[in-house]
């Protein structure tokens, strides 16, 4: 198993605290506006150069998959 039960409980606790902090953050609108701008910029970039966007996505997925595979192999060898 990749995630121990104790780790899963820790992750859920961190997620709950983060959610509560997000609800009480006084600058939620500014954060929302910034995320909206980033999404708009990403959409515009994909529309302008879809080939480059696909290339970046392939590289990110390959690096992420390699990291996941390395973690599995390392965990199995321990």
C-alpha atoms as a PDB file:
ATOM      1  CA  UNK A   1       0.000   0.000   0.000  1.00  0.00           C
ATOM      2  CA  UNK A   2       1.427   3.377  -1.002  1.00  0.00           C
ATOM      3  CA  UNK A   3      -0.228   5.461   1.694  1.00  0.00           C
ATOM      4  CA  UNK A   4      -0.383   4.283   5.269  1.00  0.00           C
ATOM      5  CA  UNK A   5      -3.609   4.821   7.188  1.00  0.00           C
ATOM      6  CA  UNK A   6      -1.901   7.232   9.577  1.00  0.00           C
ATOM      7  CA  UNK A   7      -0.627   9.287   6.651  1.00  0.00           C
ATOM      8  CA  UNK A   8      -4.094   9.369   5.096  1.00  0.00           C
ATOM      9  CA  UNK A   9      -5.528  10.725   8.350  1.00  0.00           C
ATOM     10  CA  UNK A  10      -2.774  13.349   8.437  1.00  0.00           C
ATOM     11  CA  UNK A  11      -3.539  14.358   4.848  1.00  0.00           C
ATOM     12  CA  UNK A  12      -7.253  14.655   5.629  1.00  0.00           C
ATOM     13  CA  UNK A  13      -6.433  16.789   8.671  1.00  0.00           C
ATOM     14  CA  UNK A  14      -4.246  19.102   6.629  1.00  0.00           C
ATOM     15  CA  UNK A  15      -6.968  19.333   3.970  1.00  0.00           C
ATOM     16  CA  UNK A  16      -9.577  20.222   6.603  1.00  0.00           C
ATOM     17  CA  UNK A  17      -7.376  22.916   8.148  1.00  0.00           C
ATOM     18  CA  UNK A  18      -6.600  24.297   4.704  1.00  0.00           C
ATOM     19  CA  UNK A  19     -10.301  24.424   3.844  1.00  0.00           C
ATOM     20  CA  UNK A  20     -11.102  26.236   7.087  1.00  0.00           C
ATOM     21  CA  UNK A  21      -8.271  28.689   6.482  1.00  0.00           C
ATOM     22  CA  UNK A  22      -9.536  29.278   2.946  1.00  0.00           C
ATOM     23  CA  UNK A  23     -13.006  30.074   4.246  1.00  0.00           C
ATOM     24  CA  UNK A  24     -11.609  32.651   6.676  1.00  0.00           C
ATOM     25  CA  UNK A  25      -9.023  34.229   4.390  1.00  0.00           C
ATOM     26  CA  UNK A  26      -9.952  37.901   3.957  1.00  0.00           C
ATOM     27  CA  UNK A  27      -8.303  38.064   0.510  1.00  0.00           C
ATOM     28  CA  UNK A  28     -10.360  35.306  -1.113  1.00  0.00           C
ATOM     29  CA  UNK A  29     -11.508  37.597  -3.915  1.00  0.00           C
ATOM     30  CA  UNK A  30      -7.922  38.545  -4.789  1.00  0.00           C
ATOM     31  CA  UNK A  31      -6.897  34.871  -4.833  1.00  0.00           C
ATOM     32  CA  UNK A  32      -9.949  34.004  -6.936  1.00  0.00           C
ATOM     33  CA  UNK A  33      -9.145  36.824  -9.333  1.00  0.00           C
ATOM     34  CA  UNK A  34      -5.552  35.649  -9.662  1.00  0.00           C
ATOM     35  CA  UNK A  35      -6.630  32.041 -10.318  1.00  0.00           C
ATOM     36  CA  UNK A  36      -9.149  33.285 -12.868  1.00  0.00           C
ATOM     37  CA  UNK A  37      -6.426  35.259 -14.641  1.00  0.00           C
ATOM     38  CA  UNK A  38      -4.088  32.240 -14.696  1.00  0.00           C
ATOM     39  CA  UNK A  39      -6.877  30.069 -16.159  1.00  0.00           C
ATOM     40  CA  UNK A  40      -7.590  32.741 -18.791  1.00  0.00           C
ATOM     41  CA  UNK A  41      -3.892  32.997 -19.651  1.00  0.00           C
ATOM     42  CA  UNK A  42      -3.558  29.198 -19.926  1.00  0.00           C
ATOM     43  CA  UNK A  43      -6.598  29.008 -22.193  1.00  0.00           C
ATOM     44  CA  UNK A  44      -5.240  31.787 -24.392  1.00  0.00           C
ATOM     45  CA  UNK A  45      -1.816  30.082 -24.586  1.00  0.00           C
ATOM     46  CA  UNK A  46      -3.407  26.770 -25.567  1.00  0.00           C
ATOM     47  CA  UNK A  47      -5.532  28.485 -28.224  1.00  0.00           C
ATOM     48  CA  UNK A  48      -2.527  30.307 -29.694  1.00  0.00           C
ATOM     49  CA  UNK A  49      -0.069  27.416 -29.728  1.00  0.00           C
ATOM     50  CA  UNK A  50      -1.736  24.019 -29.226  1.00  0.00           C
ATOM     51  CA  UNK A  51       1.314  22.101 -30.437  1.00  0.00           C
ATOM     52  CA  UNK A  52       3.524  23.681 -27.807  1.00  0.00           C
ATOM     53  CA  UNK A  53       0.871  23.056 -25.118  1.00  0.00           C
ATOM     54  CA  UNK A  54       0.658  19.383 -26.070  1.00  0.00           C
ATOM     55  CA  UNK A  55       4.449  19.095 -26.005  1.00  0.00           C
ATOM     56  CA  UNK A  56       4.613  20.612 -22.524  1.00  0.00           C
ATOM     57  CA  UNK A  57       1.809  18.315 -21.341  1.00  0.00           C
ATOM     58  CA  UNK A  58       3.660  15.256 -22.697  1.00  0.00           C
ATOM     59  CA  UNK A  59       6.868  16.272 -20.918  1.00  0.00           C
ATOM     60  CA  UNK A  60       5.034  16.919 -17.629  1.00  0.00           C
ATOM     61  CA  UNK A  61       3.234  13.572 -17.790  1.00  0.00           C
ATOM     62  CA  UNK A  62       6.484  11.761 -18.659  1.00  0.00           C
ATOM     63  CA  UNK A  63       8.376  13.362 -15.764  1.00  0.00           C
ATOM     64  CA  UNK A  64       5.485  12.699 -13.373  1.00  0.00           C
ATOM     65  CA  UNK A  65       5.213   9.092 -14.520  1.00  0.00           C
ATOM     66  CA  UNK A  66       8.950   8.601 -14.150  1.00  0.00           C
ATOM     67  CA  UNK A  67       8.839  10.019 -10.622  1.00  0.00           C
ATOM     68  CA  UNK A  68       5.922   7.750  -9.746  1.00  0.00           C
ATOM     69  CA  UNK A  69       7.682   4.714 -11.181  1.00  0.00           C
ATOM     70  CA  UNK A  70      10.899   5.603  -9.342  1.00  0.00           C
ATOM     71  CA  UNK A  71       8.922   5.902  -6.097  1.00  0.00           C
ATOM     72  CA  UNK A  72       7.286   2.516  -6.627  1.00  0.00           C
ATOM     73  CA  UNK A  73      10.618   0.849  -7.413  1.00  0.00           C
ATOM     74  CA  UNK A  74      12.303   2.514  -4.441  1.00  0.00           C
ATOM     75  CA  UNK A  75       9.458   1.489  -2.132  1.00  0.00           C
ATOM     76  CA  UNK A  76       9.525  -2.078  -3.437  1.00  0.00           C
ATOM     77  CA  UNK A  77      13.274  -2.379  -2.985  1.00  0.00           C
ATOM     78  CA  UNK A  78      13.201  -1.160   0.627  1.00  0.00           C
END
